[in-house]
Amino acid sequence: MMIVFAFQTEAERDRFTALYERYRNLLYAKAYDILHDAMLAEDAVSEAFIRVFRNMDKIEGVDSPRTAAFLVTIARNAALTIYAKRREEAVPAEDLIEIAGADPQGLEDLVMRELTNERVARLVGALDEQSRYIFIMKYAYDMPHREIAAQCGMTENNITVKLHRIRKKLADALEDERDAG
């Protein structure tokens, strides 16, 4: 399948090209780490750049660390989606080990302390794409709320509330599993 991007200006096209040339190898490496398959990693990178094109307005300068984090997160999410479709799991457990850092705060502590990697993978995978993206930026990349807000086009307060709701949703899902088991 051939994808054609319709750029509004030549400057926009040049910026996209610069992003592609600067980050394609990094995104491929991240996707390959998740998928362990060259062709699937290429598919993930292609999907990531389609998403980049759709979100060009959210991207700062080509060499910005926030841009790198944003693009890596997009590629990671694309790879995790492909992985989920192939394995019927949304997030591979081995890639979530770094996410499961303990936090002494109530619900978050409960979720992170008691879940196995498979449970984390299944529960995080059940989140909608935006929530999964926010969760990964926070816990995999340890990004501050301010940066996550900028990447998502939201306020810091919105991110704080969203993260609270995500943790609550994960805790509720854990309790439901306990009650059922």
N, C-alpha and C. Protein backbone atom coordinates (compact mmCIF):
# COMPACT_ATOMS: atom_id res chain seq x y z
N MET A 1 0.85 -1.17 0.00
CA MET A 1 0.00 0.00 0.00
C MET A 1 0.89 1.23 0.00
N MET A 2 0.59 2.16 -0.86
CA MET A 2 1.35 3.40 -0.95
C MET A 2 0.58 4.51 -0.24
N ILE A 3 1.29 5.27 0.57
CA ILE A 3 0.67 6.36 1.30
C ILE A 3 1.17 7.67 0.72
N VAL A 4 0.25 8.57 0.46
CA VAL A 4 0.61 9.88 -0.07
C VAL A 4 0.23 10.92 0.97
N PHE A 5 1.21 11.72 1.35
CA PHE A 5 0.96 12.79 2.31
C PHE A 5 0.69 14.08 1.54
N ALA A 6 -0.35 14.78 1.93
CA ALA A 6 -0.70 16.04 1.29
C ALA A 6 -0.28 17.18 2.21
N PHE A 7 0.89 17.71 1.94
CA PHE A 7 1.40 18.80 2.77
C PHE A 7 0.83 20.12 2.28
N GLN A 8 0.57 21.02 3.22
CA GLN A 8 0.03 22.33 2.89
C GLN A 8 1.10 23.24 2.30
N THR A 9 2.32 23.12 2.82
CA THR A 9 3.41 23.97 2.35
C THR A 9 4.66 23.14 2.16
N GLU A 10 5.59 23.72 1.44
CA GLU A 10 6.86 23.05 1.24
C GLU A 10 7.65 22.99 2.55
N ALA A 11 7.50 24.00 3.38
CA ALA A 11 8.17 24.02 4.69
C ALA A 11 7.67 22.86 5.56
N GLU A 12 6.38 22.59 5.50
CA GLU A 12 5.80 21.48 6.25
C GLU A 12 6.38 20.15 5.76
N ARG A 13 6.49 20.01 4.45
CA ARG A 13 7.07 18.81 3.85
C ARG A 13 8.52 18.64 4.28
N ASP A 14 9.28 19.74 4.25
CA ASP A 14 10.68 19.70 4.64
C ASP A 14 10.83 19.32 6.12
N ARG A 15 9.96 19.84 6.95
CA ARG A 15 10.00 19.53 8.39
C ARG A 15 9.70 18.04 8.62
N PHE A 16 8.68 17.52 7.92
CA PHE A 16 8.34 16.11 8.04
C PHE A 16 9.51 15.25 7.56
N THR A 17 10.11 15.63 6.45
CA THR A 17 11.25 14.88 5.91
C THR A 17 12.41 14.90 6.90
N ALA A 18 12.66 16.05 7.52
CA ALA A 18 13.73 16.14 8.52
C ALA A 18 13.43 15.24 9.71
N LEU A 19 12.18 15.21 10.15
CA LEU A 19 11.79 14.33 11.26
C LEU A 19 12.02 12.87 10.88
N TYR A 20 11.61 12.52 9.67
CA TYR A 20 11.76 11.14 9.21
C TYR A 20 13.23 10.74 9.17
N GLU A 21 14.04 11.58 8.56
CA GLU A 21 15.46 11.25 8.43
C GLU A 21 16.16 11.21 9.79
N ARG A 22 15.78 12.09 10.68
CA ARG A 22 16.42 12.18 12.01
C ARG A 22 16.03 11.00 12.90
N TYR A 23 14.76 10.56 12.84
CA TYR A 23 14.25 9.61 13.84
C TYR A 23 13.89 8.22 13.32
N ARG A 24 13.93 7.97 12.04
CA ARG A 24 13.46 6.67 11.54
C ARG A 24 14.22 5.50 12.14
N ASN A 25 15.54 5.62 12.28
CA ASN A 25 16.32 4.51 12.83
C ASN A 25 16.03 4.30 14.31
N LEU A 26 15.86 5.38 15.05
CA LEU A 26 15.53 5.27 16.47
C LEU A 26 14.16 4.60 16.64
N LEU A 27 13.18 5.04 15.84
CA LEU A 27 11.84 4.46 15.94
C LEU A 27 11.85 2.99 15.53
N TYR A 28 12.64 2.67 14.51
CA TYR A 28 12.76 1.28 14.08
C TYR A 28 13.34 0.43 15.22
N ALA A 29 14.38 0.94 15.86
CA ALA A 29 15.01 0.20 16.96
C ALA A 29 14.02 -0.05 18.10
N LYS A 30 13.24 0.96 18.45
CA LYS A 30 12.25 0.80 19.52
C LYS A 30 11.18 -0.21 19.12
N ALA A 31 10.71 -0.12 17.89
CA ALA A 31 9.69 -1.06 17.41
C ALA A 31 10.24 -2.48 17.35
N TYR A 32 11.48 -2.62 16.90
CA TYR A 32 12.09 -3.94 16.81
C TYR A 32 12.28 -4.56 18.21
N ASP A 33 12.61 -3.71 19.19
CA ASP A 33 12.74 -4.20 20.57
C ASP A 33 11.45 -4.84 21.07
N ILE A 34 10.33 -4.33 20.62
CA ILE A 34 9.04 -4.85 21.05
C ILE A 34 8.62 -6.05 20.20
N LEU A 35 8.79 -5.94 18.88
CA LEU A 35 8.23 -6.92 17.96
C LEU A 35 9.19 -8.06 17.60
N HIS A 36 10.48 -7.83 17.67
CA HIS A 36 11.49 -8.83 17.30
C HIS A 36 11.26 -9.38 15.90
N ASP A 37 10.83 -8.52 14.99
CA ASP A 37 10.58 -8.90 13.61
C ASP A 37 10.80 -7.66 12.75
N ALA A 38 11.71 -7.76 11.79
CA ALA A 38 12.08 -6.60 10.97
C ALA A 38 10.90 -6.03 10.18
N MET A 39 10.13 -6.89 9.56
CA MET A 39 9.01 -6.40 8.74
C MET A 39 7.93 -5.75 9.60
N LEU A 40 7.64 -6.35 10.74
CA LEU A 40 6.64 -5.76 11.64
C LEU A 40 7.15 -4.43 12.20
N ALA A 41 8.44 -4.36 12.48
CA ALA A 41 9.01 -3.10 12.97
C ALA A 41 8.90 -2.01 11.91
N GLU A 42 9.13 -2.37 10.65
CA GLU A 42 8.95 -1.41 9.55
C GLU A 42 7.49 -0.94 9.47
N ASP A 43 6.56 -1.87 9.63
CA ASP A 43 5.14 -1.51 9.64
C ASP A 43 4.83 -0.54 10.77
N ALA A 44 5.41 -0.79 11.94
CA ALA A 44 5.18 0.09 13.08
C ALA A 44 5.74 1.48 12.82
N VAL A 45 6.91 1.55 12.21
CA VAL A 45 7.50 2.86 11.89
C VAL A 45 6.63 3.59 10.87
N SER A 46 6.15 2.87 9.87
CA SER A 46 5.26 3.49 8.89
C SER A 46 4.01 4.04 9.55
N GLU A 47 3.40 3.24 10.41
CA GLU A 47 2.20 3.68 11.13
C GLU A 47 2.53 4.87 12.02
N ALA A 48 3.69 4.85 12.64
CA ALA A 48 4.09 5.96 13.51
C ALA A 48 4.20 7.25 12.70
N PHE A 49 4.78 7.19 11.52
CA PHE A 49 4.93 8.41 10.73
C PHE A 49 3.60 8.88 10.14
N ILE A 50 2.66 7.98 9.95
CA ILE A 50 1.31 8.41 9.56
C ILE A 50 0.72 9.21 10.71
N ARG A 51 0.89 8.71 11.93
CA ARG A 51 0.39 9.43 13.12
C ARG A 51 1.13 10.75 13.31
N VAL A 52 2.42 10.77 13.02
CA VAL A 52 3.20 12.01 13.11
C VAL A 52 2.62 13.03 12.14
N PHE A 53 2.35 12.61 10.92
CA PHE A 53 1.79 13.52 9.93
C PHE A 53 0.48 14.13 10.43
N ARG A 54 -0.34 13.30 11.05
CA ARG A 54 -1.63 13.78 11.57
C ARG A 54 -1.47 14.73 12.76
N ASN A 55 -0.33 14.67 13.41
CA ASN A 55 -0.11 15.48 14.62
C ASN A 55 1.05 16.46 14.47
N MET A 56 1.33 16.89 13.26
CA MET A 56 2.45 17.81 13.03
C MET A 56 2.33 19.08 13.87
N ASP A 57 1.11 19.51 14.15
CA ASP A 57 0.92 20.73 14.93
C ASP A 57 1.37 20.58 16.38
N LYS A 58 1.51 19.36 16.85
CA LYS A 58 1.92 19.11 18.24
C LYS A 58 3.43 18.93 18.37
N ILE A 59 4.13 18.98 17.25
CA ILE A 59 5.56 18.70 17.27
C ILE A 59 6.34 20.00 17.24
N GLU A 60 7.28 20.09 18.17
CA GLU A 60 8.16 21.26 18.27
C GLU A 60 9.26 21.13 17.22
N GLY A 61 10.40 21.64 17.54
CA GLY A 61 11.54 21.57 16.64
C GLY A 61 12.01 20.14 16.41
N VAL A 62 12.66 19.94 15.31
CA VAL A 62 13.12 18.60 14.93
C VAL A 62 14.07 18.02 15.96
N ASP A 63 14.93 18.84 16.55
CA ASP A 63 15.93 18.34 17.50
C ASP A 63 15.52 18.44 18.96
N SER A 64 14.27 18.77 19.21
CA SER A 64 13.79 18.92 20.58
C SER A 64 13.71 17.56 21.28
N PRO A 65 14.17 17.48 22.54
CA PRO A 65 14.03 16.22 23.29
C PRO A 65 12.56 15.81 23.44
N ARG A 66 11.67 16.79 23.55
CA ARG A 66 10.24 16.48 23.66
C ARG A 66 9.74 15.86 22.36
N THR A 67 10.25 16.32 21.24
CA THR A 67 9.88 15.74 19.95
C THR A 67 10.34 14.29 19.90
N ALA A 68 11.57 14.04 20.32
CA ALA A 68 12.09 12.67 20.33
C ALA A 68 11.23 11.78 21.21
N ALA A 69 10.89 12.25 22.41
CA ALA A 69 10.06 11.45 23.32
C ALA A 69 8.68 11.20 22.71
N PHE A 70 8.10 12.21 22.09
CA PHE A 70 6.80 12.10 21.47
C PHE A 70 6.83 11.06 20.34
N LEU A 71 7.84 11.15 19.48
CA LEU A 71 7.94 10.22 18.35
C LEU A 71 8.20 8.79 18.83
N VAL A 72 9.05 8.64 19.82
CA VAL A 72 9.32 7.29 20.35
C VAL A 72 8.04 6.71 20.95
N THR A 73 7.27 7.53 21.64
CA THR A 73 6.02 7.06 22.23
C THR A 73 5.03 6.65 21.14
N ILE A 74 4.95 7.42 20.09
CA ILE A 74 4.07 7.07 18.97
C ILE A 74 4.51 5.74 18.36
N ALA A 75 5.80 5.58 18.12
CA ALA A 75 6.30 4.33 17.52
C ALA A 75 6.08 3.15 18.46
N ARG A 76 6.31 3.38 19.73
CA ARG A 76 6.10 2.33 20.72
C ARG A 76 4.64 1.90 20.74
N ASN A 77 3.73 2.87 20.73
CA ASN A 77 2.31 2.55 20.71
C ASN A 77 1.92 1.81 19.43
N ALA A 78 2.48 2.22 18.30
CA ALA A 78 2.19 1.52 17.04
C ALA A 78 2.69 0.08 17.11
N ALA A 79 3.88 -0.11 17.66
CA ALA A 79 4.43 -1.47 17.79
C ALA A 79 3.59 -2.30 18.76
N LEU A 80 3.18 -1.70 19.85
CA LEU A 80 2.36 -2.42 20.83
C LEU A 80 1.00 -2.81 20.24
N THR A 81 0.46 -1.95 19.40
CA THR A 81 -0.81 -2.27 18.72
C THR A 81 -0.62 -3.46 17.79
N ILE A 82 0.46 -3.45 17.04
CA ILE A 82 0.75 -4.59 16.15
C ILE A 82 0.97 -5.85 16.97
N TYR A 83 1.73 -5.71 18.05
CA TYR A 83 1.97 -6.85 18.93
C TYR A 83 0.65 -7.40 19.46
N ALA A 84 -0.22 -6.51 19.87
CA ALA A 84 -1.52 -6.93 20.42
C ALA A 84 -2.33 -7.69 19.39
N LYS A 85 -2.33 -7.20 18.18
CA LYS A 85 -3.09 -7.88 17.12
C LYS A 85 -2.51 -9.26 16.84
N ARG A 86 -1.19 -9.38 16.95
CA ARG A 86 -0.55 -10.67 16.67
C ARG A 86 -0.64 -11.63 17.85
N ARG A 87 -0.64 -11.13 19.05
CA ARG A 87 -0.62 -11.97 20.23
C ARG A 87 -1.90 -11.91 21.06
N GLU A 88 -2.83 -11.10 20.64
CA GLU A 88 -4.08 -10.85 21.36
C GLU A 88 -3.82 -10.37 22.78
N GLU A 89 -2.71 -9.66 22.94
CA GLU A 89 -2.39 -8.95 24.17
C GLU A 89 -2.02 -7.54 23.76
N ALA A 90 -2.48 -6.55 24.49
CA ALA A 90 -2.25 -5.18 24.06
C ALA A 90 -0.84 -4.68 24.33
N VAL A 91 -0.20 -5.15 25.38
CA VAL A 91 1.12 -4.66 25.73
C VAL A 91 1.96 -5.83 26.22
N PRO A 92 3.13 -6.07 25.62
CA PRO A 92 3.95 -7.18 26.09
C PRO A 92 4.44 -6.93 27.51
N ALA A 93 4.32 -7.94 28.33
CA ALA A 93 4.67 -7.81 29.75
C ALA A 93 6.12 -7.39 29.95
N GLU A 94 7.03 -7.94 29.15
CA GLU A 94 8.43 -7.62 29.37
C GLU A 94 8.73 -6.15 29.10
N ASP A 95 7.92 -5.49 28.29
CA ASP A 95 8.13 -4.07 28.04
C ASP A 95 7.51 -3.19 29.11
N LEU A 96 6.72 -3.78 29.99
CA LEU A 96 6.09 -2.99 31.03
C LEU A 96 6.80 -3.10 32.37
N ILE A 97 7.88 -3.84 32.43
CA ILE A 97 8.61 -3.95 33.68
C ILE A 97 9.03 -2.56 34.15
N GLU A 98 9.52 -1.75 33.20
CA GLU A 98 9.97 -0.41 33.57
C GLU A 98 8.80 0.49 33.98
N ILE A 99 7.60 0.19 33.52
CA ILE A 99 6.44 1.01 33.87
C ILE A 99 5.98 0.73 35.29
N ALA A 100 6.20 -0.47 35.77
CA ALA A 100 5.63 -0.89 37.04
C ALA A 100 6.43 -0.41 38.25
N GLY A 101 6.94 0.80 38.18
CA GLY A 101 7.65 1.36 39.32
C GLY A 101 6.68 1.66 40.45
N ALA A 102 7.07 1.33 41.67
CA ALA A 102 6.18 1.50 42.82
C ALA A 102 6.02 2.97 43.16
N ASP A 103 4.84 3.34 43.59
CA ASP A 103 4.52 4.68 44.06
C ASP A 103 3.78 4.50 45.36
N PRO A 104 4.23 5.14 46.42
CA PRO A 104 3.63 4.89 47.72
C PRO A 104 2.23 5.47 47.89
N GLN A 105 1.67 6.04 46.87
CA GLN A 105 0.35 6.67 46.96
C GLN A 105 -0.76 5.65 46.75
N GLY A 106 -1.59 5.43 47.72
CA GLY A 106 -2.80 4.63 47.71
C GLY A 106 -3.04 3.68 46.55
N LEU A 107 -3.94 4.05 45.67
CA LEU A 107 -4.35 3.17 44.58
C LEU A 107 -3.20 2.80 43.66
N GLU A 108 -2.35 3.80 43.38
CA GLU A 108 -1.23 3.54 42.49
C GLU A 108 -0.31 2.48 43.10
N ASP A 109 -0.06 2.58 44.39
CA ASP A 109 0.76 1.61 45.08
C ASP A 109 0.15 0.21 44.99
N LEU A 110 -1.15 0.13 45.22
CA LEU A 110 -1.86 -1.15 45.14
C LEU A 110 -1.70 -1.76 43.75
N VAL A 111 -1.93 -0.97 42.72
CA VAL A 111 -1.84 -1.48 41.35
C VAL A 111 -0.42 -1.93 41.04
N MET A 112 0.54 -1.08 41.30
CA MET A 112 1.91 -1.38 40.90
C MET A 112 2.55 -2.49 41.74
N ARG A 113 2.20 -2.58 43.00
CA ARG A 113 2.81 -3.57 43.89
C ARG A 113 2.27 -4.97 43.64
N GLU A 114 0.98 -5.09 43.38
CA GLU A 114 0.35 -6.40 43.36
C GLU A 114 0.17 -7.04 41.99
N LEU A 115 0.27 -6.27 40.96
CA LEU A 115 0.04 -6.84 39.63
C LEU A 115 1.25 -7.58 39.10
N THR A 116 1.02 -8.69 38.45
CA THR A 116 2.09 -9.36 37.74
C THR A 116 2.25 -8.66 36.40
N ASN A 117 3.32 -8.96 35.70
CA ASN A 117 3.55 -8.33 34.41
C ASN A 117 2.41 -8.64 33.43
N GLU A 118 1.90 -9.86 33.45
CA GLU A 118 0.83 -10.22 32.54
C GLU A 118 -0.43 -9.42 32.84
N ARG A 119 -0.69 -9.24 34.12
CA ARG A 119 -1.87 -8.45 34.50
C ARG A 119 -1.70 -7.00 34.08
N VAL A 120 -0.52 -6.44 34.30
CA VAL A 120 -0.26 -5.06 33.87
C VAL A 120 -0.46 -4.95 32.36
N ALA A 121 0.10 -5.90 31.63
CA ALA A 121 -0.03 -5.88 30.17
C ALA A 121 -1.49 -5.90 29.75
N ARG A 122 -2.25 -6.80 30.34
CA ARG A 122 -3.66 -6.94 29.96
C ARG A 122 -4.45 -5.70 30.36
N LEU A 123 -4.24 -5.19 31.56
CA LEU A 123 -5.02 -4.05 32.03
C LEU A 123 -4.65 -2.75 31.31
N VAL A 124 -3.36 -2.53 31.12
CA VAL A 124 -2.95 -1.32 30.39
C VAL A 124 -3.39 -1.43 28.94
N GLY A 125 -3.33 -2.63 28.40
CA GLY A 125 -3.77 -2.84 27.02
C GLY A 125 -5.25 -2.59 26.81
N ALA A 126 -6.03 -2.73 27.87
CA ALA A 126 -7.47 -2.50 27.78
C ALA A 126 -7.82 -1.02 27.80
N LEU A 127 -6.85 -0.17 28.15
CA LEU A 127 -7.11 1.26 28.17
C LEU A 127 -7.29 1.79 26.75
N ASP A 128 -8.02 2.90 26.62
CA ASP A 128 -8.13 3.53 25.31
C ASP A 128 -6.75 4.07 24.92
N GLU A 129 -6.56 4.36 23.65
CA GLU A 129 -5.25 4.73 23.13
C GLU A 129 -4.67 5.96 23.84
N GLN A 130 -5.48 6.98 24.07
CA GLN A 130 -4.98 8.19 24.72
C GLN A 130 -4.53 7.89 26.15
N SER A 131 -5.31 7.13 26.89
CA SER A 131 -4.95 6.79 28.26
C SER A 131 -3.68 5.96 28.30
N ARG A 132 -3.56 5.01 27.38
CA ARG A 132 -2.36 4.17 27.30
C ARG A 132 -1.14 5.05 27.00
N TYR A 133 -1.30 5.98 26.09
CA TYR A 133 -0.25 6.91 25.69
C TYR A 133 0.20 7.75 26.89
N ILE A 134 -0.74 8.31 27.62
CA ILE A 134 -0.44 9.13 28.80
C ILE A 134 0.25 8.28 29.87
N PHE A 135 -0.27 7.08 30.11
CA PHE A 135 0.30 6.17 31.10
C PHE A 135 1.76 5.84 30.75
N ILE A 136 2.02 5.53 29.51
CA ILE A 136 3.37 5.17 29.07
C ILE A 136 4.32 6.37 29.17
N MET A 137 3.84 7.56 28.77
CA MET A 137 4.70 8.74 28.89
C MET A 137 5.07 8.99 30.34
N LYS A 138 4.12 8.79 31.24
CA LYS A 138 4.36 9.04 32.66
C LYS A 138 5.26 7.98 33.27
N TYR A 139 4.95 6.71 33.07
CA TYR A 139 5.64 5.66 33.80
C TYR A 139 6.79 5.01 33.03
N ALA A 140 6.77 5.02 31.72
CA ALA A 140 7.89 4.47 30.97
C ALA A 140 8.96 5.52 30.73
N TYR A 141 8.53 6.77 30.47
CA TYR A 141 9.48 7.82 30.16
C TYR A 141 9.63 8.83 31.28
N ASP A 142 8.88 8.65 32.37
CA ASP A 142 8.97 9.52 33.54
C ASP A 142 8.88 11.00 33.16
N MET A 143 7.99 11.28 32.22
CA MET A 143 7.82 12.67 31.79
C MET A 143 6.99 13.44 32.81
N PRO A 144 7.34 14.69 33.06
CA PRO A 144 6.53 15.49 33.98
C PRO A 144 5.16 15.80 33.36
N HIS A 145 4.20 16.07 34.21
CA HIS A 145 2.84 16.36 33.73
C HIS A 145 2.83 17.50 32.72
N ARG A 146 3.68 18.50 32.93
CA ARG A 146 3.75 19.65 32.03
C ARG A 146 4.08 19.20 30.60
N GLU A 147 5.06 18.31 30.47
CA GLU A 147 5.46 17.85 29.14
C GLU A 147 4.40 16.95 28.52
N ILE A 148 3.81 16.10 29.31
CA ILE A 148 2.74 15.23 28.80
C ILE A 148 1.59 16.10 28.30
N ALA A 149 1.26 17.13 29.08
CA ALA A 149 0.18 18.05 28.70
C ALA A 149 0.48 18.72 27.36
N ALA A 150 1.72 19.16 27.19
CA ALA A 150 2.11 19.81 25.94
C ALA A 150 2.00 18.84 24.76
N GLN A 151 2.43 17.60 24.96
CA GLN A 151 2.38 16.61 23.89
C GLN A 151 0.94 16.25 23.50
N CYS A 152 0.05 16.28 24.49
CA CYS A 152 -1.34 15.86 24.26
C CYS A 152 -2.27 17.03 23.97
N GLY A 153 -1.76 18.25 24.06
CA GLY A 153 -2.62 19.41 23.84
C GLY A 153 -3.64 19.59 24.95
N MET A 154 -3.24 19.30 26.18
CA MET A 154 -4.12 19.40 27.33
C MET A 154 -3.45 20.27 28.39
N THR A 155 -4.18 20.55 29.46
CA THR A 155 -3.59 21.27 30.58
C THR A 155 -2.96 20.28 31.55
N GLU A 156 -2.06 20.79 32.41
CA GLU A 156 -1.46 19.93 33.42
C GLU A 156 -2.52 19.34 34.34
N ASN A 157 -3.52 20.14 34.68
CA ASN A 157 -4.60 19.65 35.54
C ASN A 157 -5.34 18.49 34.88
N ASN A 158 -5.58 18.61 33.57
CA ASN A 158 -6.25 17.52 32.85
C ASN A 158 -5.43 16.23 32.92
N ILE A 159 -4.12 16.36 32.77
CA ILE A 159 -3.24 15.19 32.82
C ILE A 159 -3.26 14.58 34.22
N THR A 160 -3.21 15.42 35.24
CA THR A 160 -3.26 14.93 36.62
C THR A 160 -4.55 14.16 36.86
N VAL A 161 -5.66 14.71 36.41
CA VAL A 161 -6.96 14.06 36.58
C VAL A 161 -7.00 12.75 35.78
N LYS A 162 -6.51 12.81 34.53
CA LYS A 162 -6.51 11.60 33.69
C LYS A 162 -5.68 10.49 34.33
N LEU A 163 -4.49 10.83 34.83
CA LEU A 163 -3.64 9.82 35.46
C LEU A 163 -4.32 9.25 36.70
N HIS A 164 -4.98 10.09 37.48
CA HIS A 164 -5.73 9.59 38.64
C HIS A 164 -6.81 8.61 38.19
N ARG A 165 -7.54 8.96 37.14
CA ARG A 165 -8.60 8.08 36.64
C ARG A 165 -8.04 6.78 36.08
N ILE A 166 -6.91 6.87 35.41
CA ILE A 166 -6.27 5.66 34.87
C ILE A 166 -5.88 4.73 36.02
N ARG A 167 -5.23 5.29 37.05
CA ARG A 167 -4.84 4.47 38.20
C ARG A 167 -6.06 3.87 38.88
N LYS A 168 -7.12 4.65 39.00
CA LYS A 168 -8.37 4.16 39.62
C LYS A 168 -8.96 3.03 38.77
N LYS A 169 -8.94 3.22 37.46
CA LYS A 169 -9.48 2.19 36.57
C LYS A 169 -8.66 0.89 36.69
N LEU A 170 -7.35 1.01 36.76
CA LEU A 170 -6.51 -0.17 36.92
C LEU A 170 -6.76 -0.84 38.28
N ALA A 171 -6.89 -0.04 39.32
CA ALA A 171 -7.16 -0.60 40.65
C ALA A 171 -8.52 -1.30 40.67
N ASP A 172 -9.55 -0.68 40.05
CA ASP A 172 -10.87 -1.30 39.99
C ASP A 172 -10.81 -2.62 39.23
N ALA A 173 -10.06 -2.62 38.14
CA ALA A 173 -9.94 -3.86 37.36
C ALA A 173 -9.25 -4.95 38.18
N LEU A 174 -8.26 -4.58 38.96
CA LEU A 174 -7.60 -5.53 39.84
C LEU A 174 -8.56 -6.09 40.87
N GLU A 175 -9.35 -5.21 41.48
CA GLU A 175 -10.33 -5.67 42.47
C GLU A 175 -11.36 -6.59 41.84
N ASP A 176 -11.80 -6.27 40.61
CA ASP A 176 -12.75 -7.12 39.91
C ASP A 176 -12.17 -8.50 39.68
N GLU A 177 -10.86 -8.56 39.30
CA GLU A 177 -10.20 -9.84 39.11
C GLU A 177 -10.13 -10.63 40.41
N ARG A 178 -9.81 -9.93 41.49
CA ARG A 178 -9.75 -10.60 42.79
C ARG A 178 -11.11 -11.16 43.18
N ASP A 179 -12.16 -10.37 43.00
CA ASP A 179 -13.52 -10.81 43.35
C ASP A 179 -13.96 -12.00 42.50
N ALA A 180 -13.56 -12.00 41.23
CA ALA A 180 -13.93 -13.08 40.33
C ALA A 180 -13.12 -14.35 40.62
N GLY A 181 -11.92 -14.17 41.14
CA GLY A 181 -11.01 -15.31 41.35
C GLY A 181 -11.15 -15.86 42.69
